[in-house]
Amino acid sequence: MVYIFGKLLNRKKKIYVALKMVYGLGLFQSNILCNKCQIGFDCKVKNLTQTQIINLCKVVDQNKLLVESHLRNIIESDIARLIVIKCFRSFFHRKLKYGNKK
């Protein structure tokens, strides 16, 4: 089992595809991470060594990429701020969160 940022990655998938499962990482970012960590595109998750996994996490921290819970918290606080200032963009979030109240 390989956990990266609290997400269980499928062992049968290639690493650049499996990294897309992490919230905040897309195909472009996963390709960049694989290049920086010198992991081949044909490498599967089950073939990763412990040092490669640690290296992946370090590169994400060095590049200051927002992933998983940190990114979710930022988005949630932004939506809450929009609701407080009664911005038009928060109109649909208010309906979902509070029902039909005005």
PDB file of N, CA and C in Angstrom:
ATOM      1  N   MET A   1       0.830  -1.175   0.000  1.00  0.00           N
ATOM      2  CA  MET A   1       0.000   0.000   0.000  1.00  0.00           C
ATOM      3  C   MET A   1       0.881   1.247   0.000  1.00  0.00           C
ATOM      4  N   VAL A   2       0.544   2.184  -0.846  1.00  0.00           N
ATOM      5  CA  VAL A   2       1.293   3.426  -0.919  1.00  0.00           C
ATOM      6  C   VAL A   2       0.342   4.577  -0.617  1.00  0.00           C
ATOM      7  N   TYR A   3       0.628   5.284   0.471  1.00  0.00           N
ATOM      8  CA  TYR A   3      -0.147   6.459   0.844  1.00  0.00           C
ATOM      9  C   TYR A   3       0.711   7.687   0.583  1.00  0.00           C
ATOM     10  N   ILE A   4       0.179   8.616  -0.199  1.00  0.00           N
ATOM     11  CA  ILE A   4       0.835   9.897  -0.402  1.00  0.00           C
ATOM     12  C   ILE A   4      -0.189  10.975  -0.077  1.00  0.00           C
ATOM     13  N   PHE A   5       0.132  11.817   0.898  1.00  0.00           N
ATOM     14  CA  PHE A   5      -0.747  12.891   1.364  1.00  0.00           C
ATOM     15  C   PHE A   5      -2.092  12.341   1.825  1.00  0.00           C
ATOM     16  N   GLY A   6      -2.083  11.180   2.461  1.00  0.00           N
ATOM     17  CA  GLY A   6      -3.296  10.601   3.005  1.00  0.00           C
ATOM     18  C   GLY A   6      -4.188   9.932   1.980  1.00  0.00           C
ATOM     19  N   LYS A   7      -3.704   9.753   0.792  1.00  0.00           N
ATOM     20  CA  LYS A   7      -4.490   9.147  -0.283  1.00  0.00           C
ATOM     21  C   LYS A   7      -3.847   7.820  -0.661  1.00  0.00           C
ATOM     22  N   LEU A   8      -4.661   6.771  -0.713  1.00  0.00           N
ATOM     23  CA  LEU A   8      -4.183   5.456  -1.109  1.00  0.00           C
ATOM     24  C   LEU A   8      -4.119   5.400  -2.631  1.00  0.00           C
ATOM     25  N   LEU A   9      -2.934   5.137  -3.151  1.00  0.00           N
ATOM     26  CA  LEU A   9      -2.748   5.072  -4.595  1.00  0.00           C
ATOM     27  C   LEU A   9      -2.869   3.629  -5.077  1.00  0.00           C
ATOM     28  N   ASN A  10      -3.503   3.464  -6.224  1.00  0.00           N
ATOM     29  CA  ASN A  10      -3.675   2.143  -6.820  1.00  0.00           C
ATOM     30  C   ASN A  10      -2.318   1.615  -7.266  1.00  0.00           C
ATOM     31  N   ARG A  11      -1.948   0.422  -6.802  1.00  0.00           N
ATOM     32  CA  ARG A  11      -0.626  -0.135  -7.061  1.00  0.00           C
ATOM     33  C   ARG A  11      -0.422  -0.527  -8.518  1.00  0.00           C
ATOM     34  N   LYS A  12      -1.494  -0.764  -9.253  1.00  0.00           N
ATOM     35  CA  LYS A  12      -1.365  -1.235 -10.627  1.00  0.00           C
ATOM     36  C   LYS A  12      -1.184  -0.111 -11.647  1.00  0.00           C
ATOM     37  N   LYS A  13      -1.485   1.129 -11.228  1.00  0.00           N
ATOM     38  CA  LYS A  13      -1.416   2.249 -12.164  1.00  0.00           C
ATOM     39  C   LYS A  13      -0.008   2.810 -12.257  1.00  0.00           C
ATOM     40  N   LYS A  14       0.250   3.484 -13.367  1.00  0.00           N
ATOM     41  CA  LYS A  14       1.519   4.182 -13.516  1.00  0.00           C
ATOM     42  C   LYS A  14       1.503   5.384 -12.593  1.00  0.00           C
ATOM     43  N   ILE A  15       2.685   5.800 -12.166  1.00  0.00           N
ATOM     44  CA  ILE A  15       2.781   6.808 -11.116  1.00  0.00           C
ATOM     45  C   ILE A  15       2.210   8.152 -11.553  1.00  0.00           C
ATOM     46  N   TYR A  16       2.428   8.540 -12.805  1.00  0.00           N
ATOM     47  CA  TYR A  16       1.931   9.850 -13.223  1.00  0.00           C
ATOM     48  C   TYR A  16       0.407   9.869 -13.322  1.00  0.00           C
ATOM     49  N   VAL A  17      -0.217   8.707 -13.523  1.00  0.00           N
ATOM     50  CA  VAL A  17      -1.678   8.625 -13.535  1.00  0.00           C
ATOM     51  C   VAL A  17      -2.210   8.539 -12.110  1.00  0.00           C
ATOM     52  N   ALA A  18      -1.519   7.819 -11.254  1.00  0.00           N
ATOM     53  CA  ALA A  18      -1.969   7.639  -9.872  1.00  0.00           C
ATOM     54  C   ALA A  18      -1.876   8.937  -9.074  1.00  0.00           C
ATOM     55  N   LEU A  19      -0.924   9.801  -9.414  1.00  0.00           N
ATOM     56  CA  LEU A  19      -0.793  11.064  -8.688  1.00  0.00           C
ATOM     57  C   LEU A  19      -1.972  11.987  -8.944  1.00  0.00           C
ATOM     58  N   LYS A  20      -2.712  11.755 -10.028  1.00  0.00           N
ATOM     59  CA  LYS A  20      -3.896  12.565 -10.292  1.00  0.00           C
ATOM     60  C   LYS A  20      -4.983  12.322  -9.259  1.00  0.00           C
ATOM     61  N   MET A  21      -4.902  11.220  -8.517  1.00  0.00           N
ATOM     62  CA  MET A  21      -5.886  10.924  -7.480  1.00  0.00           C
ATOM     63  C   MET A  21      -5.769  11.892  -6.296  1.00  0.00           C
ATOM     64  N   VAL A  22      -4.591  12.504  -6.127  1.00  0.00           N
ATOM     65  CA  VAL A  22      -4.377  13.449  -5.037  1.00  0.00           C
ATOM     66  C   VAL A  22      -5.063  14.759  -5.409  1.00  0.00           C
ATOM     67  N   TYR A  23      -5.906  15.264  -4.514  1.00  0.00           N
ATOM     68  CA  TYR A  23      -6.650  16.493  -4.760  1.00  0.00           C
ATOM     69  C   TYR A  23      -5.677  17.658  -4.881  1.00  0.00           C
ATOM     70  N   GLY A  24      -5.701  18.318  -6.020  1.00  0.00           N
ATOM     71  CA  GLY A  24      -4.822  19.452  -6.255  1.00  0.00           C
ATOM     72  C   GLY A  24      -3.719  19.151  -7.253  1.00  0.00           C
ATOM     73  N   LEU A  25      -3.548  17.884  -7.606  1.00  0.00           N
ATOM     74  CA  LEU A  25      -2.554  17.510  -8.607  1.00  0.00           C
ATOM     75  C   LEU A  25      -3.260  16.998  -9.842  1.00  0.00           C
ATOM     76  N   GLY A  26      -2.924  17.572 -10.975  1.00  0.00           N
ATOM     77  CA  GLY A  26      -3.475  17.125 -12.240  1.00  0.00           C
ATOM     78  C   GLY A  26      -2.417  16.411 -13.051  1.00  0.00           C
ATOM     79  N   LEU A  27      -2.720  16.153 -14.284  1.00  0.00           N
ATOM     80  CA  LEU A  27      -1.788  15.447 -15.162  1.00  0.00           C
ATOM     81  C   LEU A  27      -0.524  16.266 -15.389  1.00  0.00           C
ATOM     82  N   PHE A  28      -0.679  17.560 -15.607  1.00  0.00           N
ATOM     83  CA  PHE A  28       0.474  18.428 -15.852  1.00  0.00           C
ATOM     84  C   PHE A  28       1.409  18.446 -14.647  1.00  0.00           C
ATOM     85  N   GLN A  29       0.855  18.654 -13.456  1.00  0.00           N
ATOM     86  CA  GLN A  29       1.672  18.691 -12.240  1.00  0.00           C
ATOM     87  C   GLN A  29       2.324  17.345 -11.962  1.00  0.00           C
ATOM     88  N   SER A  30       1.602  16.247 -12.208  1.00  0.00           N
ATOM     89  CA  SER A  30       2.178  14.930 -11.950  1.00  0.00           C
ATOM     90  C   SER A  30       3.334  14.643 -12.909  1.00  0.00           C
ATOM     91  N   ASN A  31       3.227  15.104 -14.150  1.00  0.00           N
ATOM     92  CA  ASN A  31       4.338  14.946 -15.091  1.00  0.00           C
ATOM     93  C   ASN A  31       5.558  15.739 -14.639  1.00  0.00           C
ATOM     94  N   ILE A  32       5.342  16.959 -14.161  1.00  0.00           N
ATOM     95  CA  ILE A  32       6.447  17.781 -13.660  1.00  0.00           C
ATOM     96  C   ILE A  32       7.098  17.121 -12.445  1.00  0.00           C
ATOM     97  N   LEU A  33       6.272  16.587 -11.531  1.00  0.00           N
ATOM     98  CA  LEU A  33       6.815  15.917 -10.343  1.00  0.00           C
ATOM     99  C   LEU A  33       7.657  14.705 -10.724  1.00  0.00           C
ATOM    100  N   CYS A  34       7.172  13.924 -11.683  1.00  0.00           N
ATOM    101  CA  CYS A  34       7.923  12.744 -12.111  1.00  0.00           C
ATOM    102  C   CYS A  34       9.250  13.142 -12.741  1.00  0.00           C
ATOM    103  N   ASN A  35       9.262  14.226 -13.510  1.00  0.00           N
ATOM    104  CA  ASN A  35      10.509  14.693 -14.120  1.00  0.00           C
ATOM    105  C   ASN A  35      11.496  15.180 -13.071  1.00  0.00           C
ATOM    106  N   LYS A  36      11.013  15.937 -12.081  1.00  0.00           N
ATOM    107  CA  LYS A  36      11.902  16.469 -11.049  1.00  0.00           C
ATOM    108  C   LYS A  36      12.461  15.368 -10.161  1.00  0.00           C
ATOM    109  N   CYS A  37      11.670  14.336  -9.932  1.00  0.00           N
ATOM    110  CA  CYS A  37      12.112  13.230  -9.077  1.00  0.00           C
ATOM    111  C   CYS A  37      12.821  12.142  -9.871  1.00  0.00           C
ATOM    112  N   GLN A  38      12.929  12.330 -11.170  1.00  0.00           N
ATOM    113  CA  GLN A  38      13.575  11.376 -12.069  1.00  0.00           C
ATOM    114  C   GLN A  38      12.935   9.994 -11.980  1.00  0.00           C
ATOM    115  N   ILE A  39      11.609  10.009 -12.029  1.00  0.00           N
ATOM    116  CA  ILE A  39      10.840   8.765 -12.061  1.00  0.00           C
ATOM    117  C   ILE A  39      10.317   8.616 -13.477  1.00  0.00           C
ATOM    118  N   GLY A  40      10.543   7.459 -14.078  1.00  0.00           N
ATOM    119  CA  GLY A  40      10.106   7.227 -15.444  1.00  0.00           C
ATOM    120  C   GLY A  40       8.594   7.154 -15.562  1.00  0.00           C
ATOM    121  N   PHE A  41       8.097   7.457 -16.754  1.00  0.00           N
ATOM    122  CA  PHE A  41       6.655   7.435 -16.962  1.00  0.00           C
ATOM    123  C   PHE A  41       6.097   6.015 -17.021  1.00  0.00           C
ATOM    124  N   ASP A  42       6.956   5.034 -17.248  1.00  0.00           N
ATOM    125  CA  ASP A  42       6.483   3.652 -17.284  1.00  0.00           C
ATOM    126  C   ASP A  42       6.554   2.981 -15.912  1.00  0.00           C
ATOM    127  N   CYS A  43       7.021   3.699 -14.902  1.00  0.00           N
ATOM    128  CA  CYS A  43       7.134   3.166 -13.545  1.00  0.00           C
ATOM    129  C   CYS A  43       5.750   3.083 -12.910  1.00  0.00           C
ATOM    130  N   LYS A  44       5.463   1.955 -12.297  1.00  0.00           N
ATOM    131  CA  LYS A  44       4.185   1.777 -11.608  1.00  0.00           C
ATOM    132  C   LYS A  44       4.359   2.067 -10.122  1.00  0.00           C
ATOM    133  N   VAL A  45       3.247   2.263  -9.462  1.00  0.00           N
ATOM    134  CA  VAL A  45       3.266   2.633  -8.039  1.00  0.00           C
ATOM    135  C   VAL A  45       3.903   1.531  -7.213  1.00  0.00           C
ATOM    136  N   LYS A  46       3.644   0.284  -7.560  1.00  0.00           N
ATOM    137  CA  LYS A  46       4.198  -0.822  -6.766  1.00  0.00           C
ATOM    138  C   LYS A  46       5.709  -0.923  -6.887  1.00  0.00           C
ATOM    139  N   ASN A  47       6.309  -0.294  -7.912  1.00  0.00           N
ATOM    140  CA  ASN A  47       7.753  -0.350  -8.109  1.00  0.00           C
ATOM    141  C   ASN A  47       8.491   0.811  -7.451  1.00  0.00           C
ATOM    142  N   LEU A  48       7.765   1.721  -6.828  1.00  0.00           N
ATOM    143  CA  LEU A  48       8.406   2.864  -6.177  1.00  0.00           C
ATOM    144  C   LEU A  48       9.153   2.418  -4.925  1.00  0.00           C
ATOM    145  N   THR A  49      10.316   3.019  -4.717  1.00  0.00           N
ATOM    146  CA  THR A  49      11.054   2.756  -3.488  1.00  0.00           C
ATOM    147  C   THR A  49      10.644   3.790  -2.447  1.00  0.00           C
ATOM    148  N   GLN A  50      11.029   3.542  -1.202  1.00  0.00           N
ATOM    149  CA  GLN A  50      10.683   4.452  -0.112  1.00  0.00           C
ATOM    150  C   GLN A  50      11.339   5.818  -0.328  1.00  0.00           C
ATOM    151  N   THR A  51      12.558   5.837  -0.847  1.00  0.00           N
ATOM    152  CA  THR A  51      13.246   7.105  -1.076  1.00  0.00           C
ATOM    153  C   THR A  51      12.561   7.915  -2.174  1.00  0.00           C
ATOM    154  N   GLN A  52      12.018   7.255  -3.185  1.00  0.00           N
ATOM    155  CA  GLN A  52      11.305   7.971  -4.242  1.00  0.00           C
ATOM    156  C   GLN A  52      10.019   8.590  -3.716  1.00  0.00           C
ATOM    157  N   ILE A  53       9.340   7.875  -2.832  1.00  0.00           N
ATOM    158  CA  ILE A  53       8.102   8.400  -2.244  1.00  0.00           C
ATOM    159  C   ILE A  53       8.414   9.623  -1.381  1.00  0.00           C
ATOM    160  N   ILE A  54       9.466   9.536  -0.587  1.00  0.00           N
ATOM    161  CA  ILE A  54       9.874  10.661   0.251  1.00  0.00           C
ATOM    162  C   ILE A  54      10.303  11.837  -0.616  1.00  0.00           C
ATOM    163  N   ASN A  55      11.004  11.535  -1.706  1.00  0.00           N
ATOM    164  CA  ASN A  55      11.451  12.580  -2.625  1.00  0.00           C
ATOM    165  C   ASN A  55      10.258  13.292  -3.263  1.00  0.00           C
ATOM    166  N   LEU A  56       9.219  12.533  -3.620  1.00  0.00           N
ATOM    167  CA  LEU A  56       8.004  13.133  -4.180  1.00  0.00           C
ATOM    168  C   LEU A  56       7.383  14.122  -3.195  1.00  0.00           C
ATOM    169  N   CYS A  57       7.284  13.707  -1.941  1.00  0.00           N
ATOM    170  CA  CYS A  57       6.689  14.582  -0.925  1.00  0.00           C
ATOM    171  C   CYS A  57       7.532  15.831  -0.711  1.00  0.00           C
ATOM    172  N   LYS A  58       8.852  15.695  -0.740  1.00  0.00           N
ATOM    173  CA  LYS A  58       9.731  16.844  -0.568  1.00  0.00           C
ATOM    174  C   LYS A  58       9.598  17.827  -1.718  1.00  0.00           C
ATOM    175  N   VAL A  59       9.487  17.315  -2.933  1.00  0.00           N
ATOM    176  CA  VAL A  59       9.362  18.191  -4.099  1.00  0.00           C
ATOM    177  C   VAL A  59       8.050  18.967  -4.051  1.00  0.00           C
ATOM    178  N   VAL A  60       6.982  18.318  -3.607  1.00  0.00           N
ATOM    179  CA  VAL A  60       5.697  19.019  -3.476  1.00  0.00           C
ATOM    180  C   VAL A  60       5.811  20.125  -2.433  1.00  0.00           C
ATOM    181  N   ASP A  61       6.491  19.854  -1.324  1.00  0.00           N
ATOM    182  CA  ASP A  61       6.669  20.879  -0.291  1.00  0.00           C
ATOM    183  C   ASP A  61       7.566  22.011  -0.782  1.00  0.00           C
ATOM    184  N   GLN A  62       8.624  21.687  -1.515  1.00  0.00           N
ATOM    185  CA  GLN A  62       9.537  22.713  -2.011  1.00  0.00           C
ATOM    186  C   GLN A  62       8.865  23.631  -3.023  1.00  0.00           C
ATOM    187  N   ASN A  63       7.986  23.079  -3.843  1.00  0.00           N
ATOM    188  CA  ASN A  63       7.287  23.873  -4.850  1.00  0.00           C
ATOM    189  C   ASN A  63       6.067  24.581  -4.289  1.00  0.00           C
ATOM    190  N   LYS A  64       5.795  24.355  -3.002  1.00  0.00           N
ATOM    191  CA  LYS A  64       4.674  24.983  -2.297  1.00  0.00           C
ATOM    192  C   LYS A  64       3.348  24.718  -3.013  1.00  0.00           C
ATOM    193  N   LEU A  65       3.157  23.477  -3.435  1.00  0.00           N
ATOM    194  CA  LEU A  65       1.896  23.094  -4.060  1.00  0.00           C
ATOM    195  C   LEU A  65       0.863  22.830  -2.968  1.00  0.00           C
ATOM    196  N   LEU A  66      -0.340  23.311  -3.178  1.00  0.00           N
ATOM    197  CA  LEU A  66      -1.423  23.078  -2.227  1.00  0.00           C
ATOM    198  C   LEU A  66      -2.124  21.788  -2.611  1.00  0.00           C
ATOM    199  N   VAL A  67      -2.169  20.836  -1.701  1.00  0.00           N
ATOM    200  CA  VAL A  67      -2.790  19.543  -1.982  1.00  0.00           C
ATOM    201  C   VAL A  67      -3.653  19.111  -0.809  1.00  0.00           C
ATOM    202  N   GLU A  68      -4.632  18.281  -1.119  1.00  0.00           N
ATOM    203  CA  GLU A  68      -5.531  17.627  -0.172  1.00  0.00           C
ATOM    204  C   GLU A  68      -6.154  18.580   0.836  1.00  0.00           C
ATOM    205  N   SER A  69      -6.011  18.329   2.126  1.00  0.00           N
ATOM    206  CA  SER A  69      -6.778  19.032   3.150  1.00  0.00           C
ATOM    207  C   SER A  69      -6.440  20.517   3.216  1.00  0.00           C
ATOM    208  N   HIS A  70      -5.192  20.884   2.969  1.00  0.00           N
ATOM    209  CA  HIS A  70      -4.817  22.297   3.015  1.00  0.00           C
ATOM    210  C   HIS A  70      -5.543  23.078   1.918  1.00  0.00           C
ATOM    211  N   LEU A  71      -5.599  22.510   0.723  1.00  0.00           N
ATOM    212  CA  LEU A  71      -6.297  23.154  -0.381  1.00  0.00           C
ATOM    213  C   LEU A  71      -7.796  23.216  -0.125  1.00  0.00           C
ATOM    214  N   ARG A  72      -8.361  22.145   0.415  1.00  0.00           N
ATOM    215  CA  ARG A  72      -9.791  22.133   0.732  1.00  0.00           C
ATOM    216  C   ARG A  72     -10.142  23.192   1.774  1.00  0.00           C
ATOM    217  N   ASN A  73      -9.284  23.361   2.788  1.00  0.00           N
ATOM    218  CA  ASN A  73      -9.521  24.370   3.819  1.00  0.00           C
ATOM    219  C   ASN A  73      -9.489  25.780   3.245  1.00  0.00           C
ATOM    220  N   ILE A  74      -8.573  26.026   2.334  1.00  0.00           N
ATOM    221  CA  ILE A  74      -8.471  27.351   1.717  1.00  0.00           C
ATOM    222  C   ILE A  74      -9.718  27.648   0.888  1.00  0.00           C
ATOM    223  N   ILE A  75     -10.162  26.675   0.110  1.00  0.00           N
ATOM    224  CA  ILE A  75     -11.360  26.871  -0.720  1.00  0.00           C
ATOM    225  C   ILE A  75     -12.591  27.091   0.148  1.00  0.00           C
ATOM    226  N   GLU A  76     -12.700  26.307   1.224  1.00  0.00           N
ATOM    227  CA  GLU A  76     -13.842  26.451   2.132  1.00  0.00           C
ATOM    228  C   GLU A  76     -13.848  27.813   2.811  1.00  0.00           C
ATOM    229  N   SER A  77     -12.691  28.299   3.216  1.00  0.00           N
ATOM    230  CA  SER A  77     -12.639  29.614   3.856  1.00  0.00           C
ATOM    231  C   SER A  77     -12.941  30.727   2.853  1.00  0.00           C
ATOM    232  N   ASP A  78     -12.538  30.566   1.606  1.00  0.00           N
ATOM    233  CA  ASP A  78     -12.863  31.558   0.579  1.00  0.00           C
ATOM    234  C   ASP A  78     -14.369  31.625   0.340  1.00  0.00           C
ATOM    235  N   ILE A  79     -15.016  30.471   0.289  1.00  0.00           N
ATOM    236  CA  ILE A  79     -16.469  30.437   0.099  1.00  0.00           C
ATOM    237  C   ILE A  79     -17.169  31.058   1.305  1.00  0.00           C
ATOM    238  N   ALA A  80     -16.681  30.759   2.513  1.00  0.00           N
ATOM    239  CA  ALA A  80     -17.288  31.337   3.717  1.00  0.00           C
ATOM    240  C   ALA A  80     -17.146  32.852   3.721  1.00  0.00           C
ATOM    241  N   ARG A  81     -16.001  33.362   3.264  1.00  0.00           N
ATOM    242  CA  ARG A  81     -15.794  34.803   3.193  1.00  0.00           C
ATOM    243  C   ARG A  81     -16.762  35.442   2.200  1.00  0.00           C
ATOM    244  N   LEU A  82     -16.974  34.796   1.062  1.00  0.00           N
ATOM    245  CA  LEU A  82     -17.913  35.314   0.073  1.00  0.00           C
ATOM    246  C   LEU A  82     -19.338  35.340   0.619  1.00  0.00           C
ATOM    247  N   ILE A  83     -19.690  34.332   1.411  1.00  0.00           N
ATOM    248  CA  ILE A  83     -21.024  34.292   2.013  1.00  0.00           C
ATOM    249  C   ILE A  83     -21.180  35.429   3.026  1.00  0.00           C
ATOM    250  N   VAL A  84     -20.147  35.680   3.813  1.00  0.00           N
ATOM    251  CA  VAL A  84     -20.220  36.727   4.836  1.00  0.00           C
ATOM    252  C   VAL A  84     -20.385  38.103   4.205  1.00  0.00           C
ATOM    253  N   ILE A  85     -19.669  38.363   3.117  1.00  0.00           N
ATOM    254  CA  ILE A  85     -19.771  39.686   2.498  1.00  0.00           C
ATOM    255  C   ILE A  85     -20.942  39.771   1.524  1.00  0.00           C
ATOM    256  N   LYS A  86     -21.702  38.693   1.424  1.00  0.00           N
ATOM    257  CA  LYS A  86     -22.905  38.619   0.595  1.00  0.00           C
ATOM    258  C   LYS A  86     -22.626  38.960  -0.866  1.00  0.00           C
ATOM    259  N   CYS A  87     -21.576  38.354  -1.359  1.00  0.00           N
ATOM    260  CA  CYS A  87     -21.192  38.535  -2.752  1.00  0.00           C
ATOM    261  C   CYS A  87     -22.121  37.715  -3.651  1.00  0.00           C
ATOM    262  N   PHE A  88     -22.302  38.166  -4.880  1.00  0.00           N
ATOM    263  CA  PHE A  88     -23.171  37.438  -5.808  1.00  0.00           C
ATOM    264  C   PHE A  88     -22.629  36.037  -6.090  1.00  0.00           C
ATOM    265  N   ARG A  89     -21.314  35.890  -6.112  1.00  0.00           N
ATOM    266  CA  ARG A  89     -20.714  34.583  -6.379  1.00  0.00           C
ATOM    267  C   ARG A  89     -21.067  33.559  -5.307  1.00  0.00           C
ATOM    268  N   SER A  90     -21.451  34.030  -4.129  1.00  0.00           N
ATOM    269  CA  SER A  90     -21.790  33.109  -3.049  1.00  0.00           C
ATOM    270  C   SER A  90     -23.270  32.747  -3.033  1.00  0.00           C
ATOM    271  N   PHE A  91     -24.026  33.265  -3.983  1.00  0.00           N
ATOM    272  CA  PHE A  91     -25.466  33.056  -4.002  1.00  0.00           C
ATOM    273  C   PHE A  91     -25.831  31.578  -3.977  1.00  0.00           C
ATOM    274  N   PHE A  92     -25.224  30.784  -4.813  1.00  0.00           N
ATOM    275  CA  PHE A  92     -25.569  29.364  -4.898  1.00  0.00           C
ATOM    276  C   PHE A  92     -25.011  28.581  -3.715  1.00  0.00           C
ATOM    277  N   HIS A  93     -23.888  29.024  -3.171  1.00  0.00           N
ATOM    278  CA  HIS A  93     -23.350  28.362  -1.980  1.00  0.00           C
ATOM    279  C   HIS A  93     -24.268  28.580  -0.788  1.00  0.00           C
ATOM    280  N   ARG A  94     -24.850  29.776  -0.701  1.00  0.00           N
ATOM    281  CA  ARG A  94     -25.779  30.055   0.391  1.00  0.00           C
ATOM    282  C   ARG A  94     -27.005  29.169   0.281  1.00  0.00           C
ATOM    283  N   LYS A  95     -27.516  28.985  -0.936  1.00  0.00           N
ATOM    284  CA  LYS A  95     -28.695  28.134  -1.112  1.00  0.00           C
ATOM    285  C   LYS A  95     -28.393  26.700  -0.698  1.00  0.00           C
ATOM    286  N   LEU A  96     -27.226  26.202  -1.077  1.00  0.00           N
ATOM    287  CA  LEU A  96     -26.879  24.827  -0.747  1.00  0.00           C
ATOM    288  C   LEU A  96     -26.641  24.650   0.739  1.00  0.00           C
ATOM    289  N   LYS A  97     -26.045  25.650   1.366  1.00  0.00           N
ATOM    290  CA  LYS A  97     -25.662  25.512   2.751  1.00  0.00           C
ATOM    291  C   LYS A  97     -26.814  25.785   3.708  1.00  0.00           C
ATOM    292  N   TYR A  98     -27.637  26.793   3.411  1.00  0.00           N
ATOM    293  CA  TYR A  98     -28.657  27.220   4.343  1.00  0.00           C
ATOM    294  C   TYR A  98     -30.080  26.946   3.881  1.00  0.00           C
ATOM    295  N   GLY A  99     -30.263  26.292   2.763  1.00  0.00           N
ATOM    296  CA  GLY A  99     -31.611  26.027   2.269  1.00  0.00           C
ATOM    297  C   GLY A  99     -32.173  27.232   1.562  1.00  0.00           C
ATOM    298  N   ASN A 100     -33.470  27.483   1.723  1.00  0.00           N
ATOM    299  CA  ASN A 100     -34.140  28.576   1.013  1.00  0.00           C
ATOM    300  C   ASN A 100     -34.156  29.875   1.816  1.00  0.00           C
ATOM    301  N   LYS A 101     -33.418  29.958   2.906  1.00  0.00           N
ATOM    302  CA  LYS A 101     -33.397  31.177   3.709  1.00  0.00           C
ATOM    303  C   LYS A 101     -32.682  32.286   2.945  1.00  0.00           C
ATOM    304  N   LYS A 102     -33.087  33.509   3.204  1.00  0.00           N
ATOM    305  CA  LYS A 102     -32.455  34.654   2.541  1.00  0.00           C
ATOM    306  C   LYS A 102     -31.463  35.319   3.442  1.00  0.00           C
TER     307      LYS A 102
END
